[in-house]
Amino acid sequence: MTKTRYSVFIGGMLLASVAALAHHNPAAHYIVDERVEIDGVVTRFVPVNPHSRIYFTVTNEQGEVEDWMAEGDSIINLRRAGWTTDQFKAGDRIHILGRPSRDGRNLVEWTFITTPDGEEVGGGNGQIGERVRFMDTRLAEYRAQRGQ
């Protein structure tokens, strides 16, 4: 590989790595120091990578129905926490705690989602509490299998 080609290759890799890091910084899209709570009705759950999405409707204070989207963790991480691809279905009522959109759109990065029966399912984007809870559950299962 020539010196010029090598330099172009390294430069391209550096640019790509910076873009990847910027994408995963929630502060670019959300106000990370604020939390909002939203009640809505699911219209569609899209379990994908890099961020799963829940589309839902909210009835605002004027009685108008608004379309919203909540973004959470990847489906890989959600599956590890016990989620299924049909975790939420159209018509399900949800309560979302999350970070609001930086630009005022009807968009939220969810931290926790609570179902009408009070079950808190988590699944927030990169939330350490969710991961710790998952690890604790798996560790308890392992210890039970070993008789500890």
Protein backbone atom coordinates (compact mmCIF):
# COMPACT_ATOMS: atom_id res chain seq x y z
CA MET A 1 0.00 0.00 0.00
CA THR A 2 1.42 3.39 -0.95
CA LYS A 3 1.92 6.11 1.59
CA THR A 4 -0.90 8.22 0.06
CA ARG A 5 -3.38 5.34 0.04
CA TYR A 6 -2.45 4.46 3.60
CA SER A 7 -3.00 8.08 4.71
CA VAL A 8 -6.39 8.23 2.97
CA PHE A 9 -7.38 4.91 4.57
CA ILE A 10 -6.37 6.06 8.07
CA GLY A 11 -8.11 9.42 7.58
CA GLY A 12 -11.31 7.69 6.47
CA MET A 13 -11.23 5.38 9.47
CA LEU A 14 -10.78 8.31 11.85
CA LEU A 15 -13.71 10.19 10.31
CA ALA A 16 -15.90 7.11 10.51
CA SER A 17 -15.04 6.54 14.16
CA VAL A 18 -15.85 10.16 15.06
CA ALA A 19 -19.23 9.89 13.31
CA ALA A 20 -20.00 6.66 15.15
CA LEU A 21 -19.20 8.23 18.51
CA ALA A 22 -21.27 11.32 17.76
CA HIS A 23 -24.29 9.19 16.85
CA HIS A 24 -24.29 7.49 20.22
CA ASN A 25 -24.10 10.66 22.27
CA PRO A 26 -27.68 11.23 23.43
CA ALA A 27 -26.94 14.90 24.19
CA ALA A 28 -26.96 15.57 20.44
CA HIS A 29 -30.68 14.76 20.25
CA TYR A 30 -32.06 14.88 23.80
CA ILE A 31 -31.90 17.13 26.84
CA VAL A 32 -30.09 14.67 29.09
CA ASP A 33 -30.63 16.60 32.34
CA GLU A 34 -34.43 16.70 31.98
CA ARG A 35 -37.13 14.05 32.26
CA VAL A 36 -40.67 14.06 30.92
CA GLU A 37 -43.55 11.70 31.59
CA ILE A 38 -45.93 10.87 28.76
CA ASP A 39 -49.03 8.69 28.57
CA GLY A 40 -49.87 7.26 25.19
CA VAL A 41 -51.28 4.44 23.09
CA VAL A 42 -48.92 2.31 21.03
CA THR A 43 -49.42 2.33 17.27
CA ARG A 44 -46.29 0.33 16.38
CA PHE A 45 -43.24 -1.24 18.06
CA VAL A 46 -40.14 -1.51 15.85
CA PRO A 47 -37.51 -3.77 17.50
CA VAL A 48 -34.34 -2.95 15.54
CA ASN A 49 -30.71 -1.95 15.89
CA PRO A 50 -29.19 0.43 16.79
CA HIS A 51 -32.30 1.77 18.60
CA SER A 52 -35.70 0.17 18.97
CA ARG A 53 -38.63 2.51 18.52
CA ILE A 54 -42.14 2.77 19.81
CA TYR A 55 -44.57 4.90 17.83
CA PHE A 56 -47.55 6.06 19.87
CA THR A 57 -50.29 8.66 20.05
CA VAL A 58 -50.82 11.19 22.81
CA THR A 59 -53.91 13.27 23.45
CA ASN A 60 -52.67 16.78 24.30
CA GLU A 61 -54.28 19.30 26.67
CA GLN A 62 -56.43 20.69 23.83
CA GLY A 63 -57.84 17.20 23.15
CA GLU A 64 -55.90 16.83 19.89
CA VAL A 65 -54.16 13.54 19.05
CA GLU A 66 -50.43 13.86 18.37
CA ASP A 67 -48.05 11.30 16.90
CA TRP A 68 -44.94 10.58 18.99
CA MET A 69 -41.90 8.35 18.78
CA ALA A 70 -39.84 6.95 21.65
CA GLU A 71 -36.35 5.63 21.11
CA GLY A 72 -34.75 3.01 23.34
CA ASP A 73 -32.02 0.39 23.44
CA SER A 74 -31.11 -1.98 20.61
CA ILE A 75 -33.17 -5.13 20.15
CA ILE A 76 -30.08 -7.16 21.01
CA ASN A 77 -29.88 -5.60 24.47
CA LEU A 78 -33.65 -5.70 24.90
CA ARG A 79 -33.71 -9.45 24.13
CA ARG A 80 -30.98 -9.99 26.72
CA ALA A 81 -33.27 -8.28 29.22
CA GLY A 82 -36.14 -10.62 28.31
CA TRP A 83 -38.01 -8.55 25.74
CA THR A 84 -39.74 -10.14 22.76
CA THR A 85 -40.30 -8.69 19.30
CA ASP A 86 -43.99 -8.31 20.17
CA GLN A 87 -43.38 -6.70 23.57
CA PHE A 88 -45.83 -3.93 22.67
CA LYS A 89 -48.77 -4.14 20.30
CA ALA A 90 -50.99 -1.51 18.71
CA GLY A 91 -53.55 -0.37 21.27
CA ASP A 92 -51.35 -1.00 24.34
CA ARG A 93 -51.42 1.88 26.82
CA ILE A 94 -48.02 2.97 28.09
CA HIS A 95 -46.51 5.51 30.47
CA ILE A 96 -43.06 6.69 29.42
CA LEU A 97 -40.40 8.37 31.53
CA GLY A 98 -37.65 9.75 29.34
CA ARG A 99 -35.49 12.53 28.02
CA PRO A 100 -37.21 15.14 25.84
CA SER A 101 -36.14 16.05 22.33
CA ARG A 102 -33.64 18.88 22.12
CA ASP A 103 -35.42 20.48 19.14
CA GLY A 104 -39.00 20.27 20.48
CA ARG A 105 -40.23 17.47 18.22
CA ASN A 106 -42.60 14.78 19.56
CA LEU A 107 -39.65 12.55 20.31
CA VAL A 108 -38.37 11.09 23.57
CA GLU A 109 -35.52 8.79 24.56
CA TRP A 110 -37.21 6.46 27.00
CA THR A 111 -35.69 5.52 30.33
CA PHE A 112 -38.55 3.38 31.62
CA ILE A 113 -41.89 2.30 30.25
CA THR A 114 -44.67 1.33 32.62
CA THR A 115 -47.68 -0.75 31.60
CA PRO A 116 -51.21 -0.11 32.95
CA ASP A 117 -50.81 -2.94 35.48
CA GLY A 118 -47.76 -1.16 36.97
CA GLU A 119 -45.05 -3.34 35.42
CA GLU A 120 -41.92 -1.28 34.74
CA VAL A 121 -40.20 -2.77 31.72
CA GLY A 122 -37.24 -0.41 31.30
CA GLY A 123 -35.41 -0.88 28.03
CA GLY A 124 -34.04 2.63 27.96
CA ASN A 125 -31.19 3.48 25.68
CA GLY A 126 -28.00 2.35 27.42
CA GLN A 127 -29.44 2.66 30.91
CA ILE A 128 -27.04 1.16 33.43
CA GLY A 129 -29.83 0.35 35.89
CA GLU A 130 -31.49 -1.91 33.34
CA ARG A 131 -28.25 -3.75 32.68
CA VAL A 132 -27.45 -4.17 36.38
CA ARG A 133 -30.95 -5.56 37.03
CA PHE A 134 -30.47 -8.04 34.17
CA MET A 135 -27.07 -9.14 35.51
CA ASP A 136 -28.46 -9.56 39.04
CA THR A 137 -31.29 -11.74 37.73
CA ARG A 138 -28.93 -13.94 35.73
CA LEU A 139 -26.52 -14.23 38.66
CA ALA A 140 -29.35 -15.30 40.98
CA GLU A 141 -30.44 -17.94 38.43
CA TYR A 142 -26.88 -19.22 38.16
CA ARG A 143 -26.50 -19.45 41.94
CA ALA A 144 -29.84 -21.27 42.24
CA GLN A 145 -28.70 -23.83 39.67
CA ARG A 146 -25.48 -24.40 41.59
CA GLY A 147 -27.31 -24.71 44.91
CA GLN A 148 -25.66 -21.65 46.44
